């Protein structure tokens, strides 16, 4: 199974809906790290928009 697993890593803006739609096309599993907020430069406003709206 490990030899047949394809992994695609993408980086983008979690608030960019067109990007997210393209990124999710034809994917069977999505693992996102948007909830990891302890990143330099992430503000409370951005965290709130990503998690609450």
N, C-alpha and C. Protein backbone atom coordinates (compact mmCIF):
# COMPACT_ATOMS: atom_id res chain seq x y z
N UNK A 1 0.83 -1.20 0.00
CA UNK A 1 0.00 0.00 0.00
C UNK A 1 0.86 1.26 0.00
N UNK A 2 1.95 1.27 0.75
CA UNK A 2 2.79 2.47 0.82
C UNK A 2 3.36 2.84 -0.53
N UNK A 3 3.65 1.87 -1.36
CA UNK A 3 4.22 2.17 -2.68
C UNK A 3 3.18 2.74 -3.63
N UNK A 4 1.91 2.59 -3.32
CA UNK A 4 0.85 3.05 -4.20
C UNK A 4 0.16 4.31 -3.70
N UNK A 5 0.58 4.82 -2.57
CA UNK A 5 -0.05 6.00 -2.00
C UNK A 5 0.54 7.26 -2.62
N UNK A 6 -0.33 8.10 -3.15
CA UNK A 6 0.11 9.37 -3.74
C UNK A 6 -0.22 10.49 -2.76
N UNK A 7 0.75 11.30 -2.46
CA UNK A 7 0.58 12.42 -1.54
C UNK A 7 0.83 13.72 -2.29
N UNK A 8 -0.11 14.64 -2.19
CA UNK A 8 0.03 15.96 -2.79
C UNK A 8 -0.02 16.99 -1.67
N UNK A 9 0.97 17.84 -1.60
CA UNK A 9 1.02 18.88 -0.58
C UNK A 9 0.82 20.22 -1.26
N UNK A 10 -0.15 20.98 -0.79
CA UNK A 10 -0.45 22.30 -1.34
C UNK A 10 -0.38 23.34 -0.24
N UNK A 11 0.01 24.52 -0.60
CA UNK A 11 0.02 25.63 0.35
C UNK A 11 -0.79 26.76 -0.27
N UNK A 12 -1.71 27.32 0.51
CA UNK A 12 -2.53 28.40 -0.01
C UNK A 12 -3.30 29.07 1.10
N UNK A 13 -4.14 29.99 0.71
CA UNK A 13 -4.95 30.76 1.65
C UNK A 13 -6.26 30.02 1.92
N UNK A 14 -6.52 29.68 3.17
CA UNK A 14 -7.73 28.95 3.54
C UNK A 14 -9.00 29.77 3.25
N UNK A 15 -8.85 31.06 3.04
CA UNK A 15 -10.00 31.92 2.73
C UNK A 15 -10.21 32.08 1.22
N UNK A 16 -9.36 31.49 0.40
CA UNK A 16 -9.43 31.59 -1.05
C UNK A 16 -10.29 30.44 -1.59
N UNK A 17 -11.60 30.67 -1.69
CA UNK A 17 -12.53 29.61 -2.07
C UNK A 17 -12.24 28.99 -3.44
N UNK A 18 -11.93 29.77 -4.49
CA UNK A 18 -11.60 29.15 -5.78
C UNK A 18 -10.38 28.22 -5.69
N UNK A 19 -9.36 28.63 -4.94
CA UNK A 19 -8.18 27.78 -4.75
C UNK A 19 -8.57 26.48 -4.05
N UNK A 20 -9.39 26.58 -3.01
CA UNK A 20 -9.80 25.40 -2.25
C UNK A 20 -10.59 24.43 -3.12
N UNK A 21 -11.48 24.96 -3.96
CA UNK A 21 -12.27 24.09 -4.84
C UNK A 21 -11.36 23.34 -5.81
N UNK A 22 -10.37 24.04 -6.38
CA UNK A 22 -9.43 23.39 -7.29
C UNK A 22 -8.58 22.36 -6.54
N UNK A 23 -8.14 22.72 -5.35
CA UNK A 23 -7.27 21.84 -4.57
C UNK A 23 -7.99 20.55 -4.15
N UNK A 24 -9.29 20.62 -3.95
CA UNK A 24 -10.05 19.46 -3.46
C UNK A 24 -10.58 18.57 -4.58
N UNK A 25 -10.48 19.04 -5.81
CA UNK A 25 -10.98 18.25 -6.93
C UNK A 25 -10.25 16.92 -7.02
N UNK A 26 -11.00 15.86 -7.19
CA UNK A 26 -10.46 14.50 -7.40
C UNK A 26 -9.63 13.98 -6.23
N UNK A 27 -9.79 14.55 -5.05
CA UNK A 27 -9.08 14.07 -3.87
C UNK A 27 -9.99 13.15 -3.07
N UNK A 28 -9.45 12.07 -2.55
CA UNK A 28 -10.25 11.17 -1.73
C UNK A 28 -10.12 11.48 -0.25
N UNK A 29 -9.02 12.10 0.14
CA UNK A 29 -8.79 12.46 1.54
C UNK A 29 -8.15 13.84 1.58
N UNK A 30 -8.62 14.70 2.49
CA UNK A 30 -8.05 16.03 2.68
C UNK A 30 -7.61 16.14 4.13
N UNK A 31 -6.37 16.50 4.35
CA UNK A 31 -5.86 16.78 5.69
C UNK A 31 -5.35 18.21 5.65
N UNK A 32 -5.96 19.08 6.45
CA UNK A 32 -5.51 20.47 6.44
C UNK A 32 -4.93 20.84 7.79
N UNK A 33 -4.08 21.83 7.78
CA UNK A 33 -3.43 22.29 9.02
C UNK A 33 -3.81 23.74 9.33
N UNK A 34 -4.94 24.19 8.80
CA UNK A 34 -5.36 25.57 9.02
C UNK A 34 -5.63 25.86 10.49
N UNK A 35 -5.93 24.84 11.27
CA UNK A 35 -6.22 25.08 12.68
C UNK A 35 -4.96 25.23 13.53
N UNK A 36 -3.80 25.03 12.94
CA UNK A 36 -2.55 25.25 13.67
C UNK A 36 -2.28 26.75 13.63
N UNK A 37 -2.55 27.44 14.73
CA UNK A 37 -2.53 28.90 14.72
C UNK A 37 -1.24 29.49 15.25
N UNK A 38 -0.39 28.69 15.81
CA UNK A 38 0.84 29.24 16.37
C UNK A 38 1.91 29.38 15.29
N UNK A 39 1.58 30.18 14.30
CA UNK A 39 2.49 30.46 13.19
C UNK A 39 2.73 31.96 13.20
N UNK A 40 3.96 32.34 13.04
CA UNK A 40 4.30 33.77 13.04
C UNK A 40 3.47 34.47 11.97
N UNK A 41 2.82 35.54 12.36
CA UNK A 41 2.07 36.35 11.41
C UNK A 41 0.58 36.06 11.38
N UNK A 42 0.11 34.99 12.01
CA UNK A 42 -1.32 34.70 12.02
C UNK A 42 -1.97 35.52 13.11
N UNK A 43 -2.94 36.32 12.72
CA UNK A 43 -3.61 37.19 13.69
C UNK A 43 -4.88 36.53 14.22
N UNK A 44 -5.39 37.06 15.31
CA UNK A 44 -6.63 36.56 15.88
C UNK A 44 -7.77 36.67 14.86
N UNK A 45 -7.81 37.76 14.09
CA UNK A 45 -8.86 37.96 13.09
C UNK A 45 -8.84 36.85 12.05
N UNK A 46 -7.66 36.53 11.53
CA UNK A 46 -7.55 35.47 10.52
C UNK A 46 -7.98 34.13 11.12
N UNK A 47 -7.53 33.85 12.33
CA UNK A 47 -7.93 32.60 12.98
C UNK A 47 -9.44 32.54 13.13
N UNK A 48 -10.06 33.62 13.56
CA UNK A 48 -11.51 33.65 13.73
C UNK A 48 -12.22 33.43 12.40
N UNK A 49 -11.77 34.07 11.34
CA UNK A 49 -12.40 33.92 10.03
C UNK A 49 -12.30 32.48 9.55
N UNK A 50 -11.18 31.85 9.78
CA UNK A 50 -10.97 30.48 9.31
C UNK A 50 -11.79 29.47 10.12
N UNK A 51 -11.92 29.70 11.40
CA UNK A 51 -12.55 28.71 12.27
C UNK A 51 -14.03 28.96 12.54
N UNK A 52 -14.47 30.20 12.43
CA UNK A 52 -15.84 30.52 12.88
C UNK A 52 -16.78 30.94 11.77
N UNK A 53 -16.30 31.36 10.64
CA UNK A 53 -17.19 31.86 9.60
C UNK A 53 -17.34 30.86 8.48
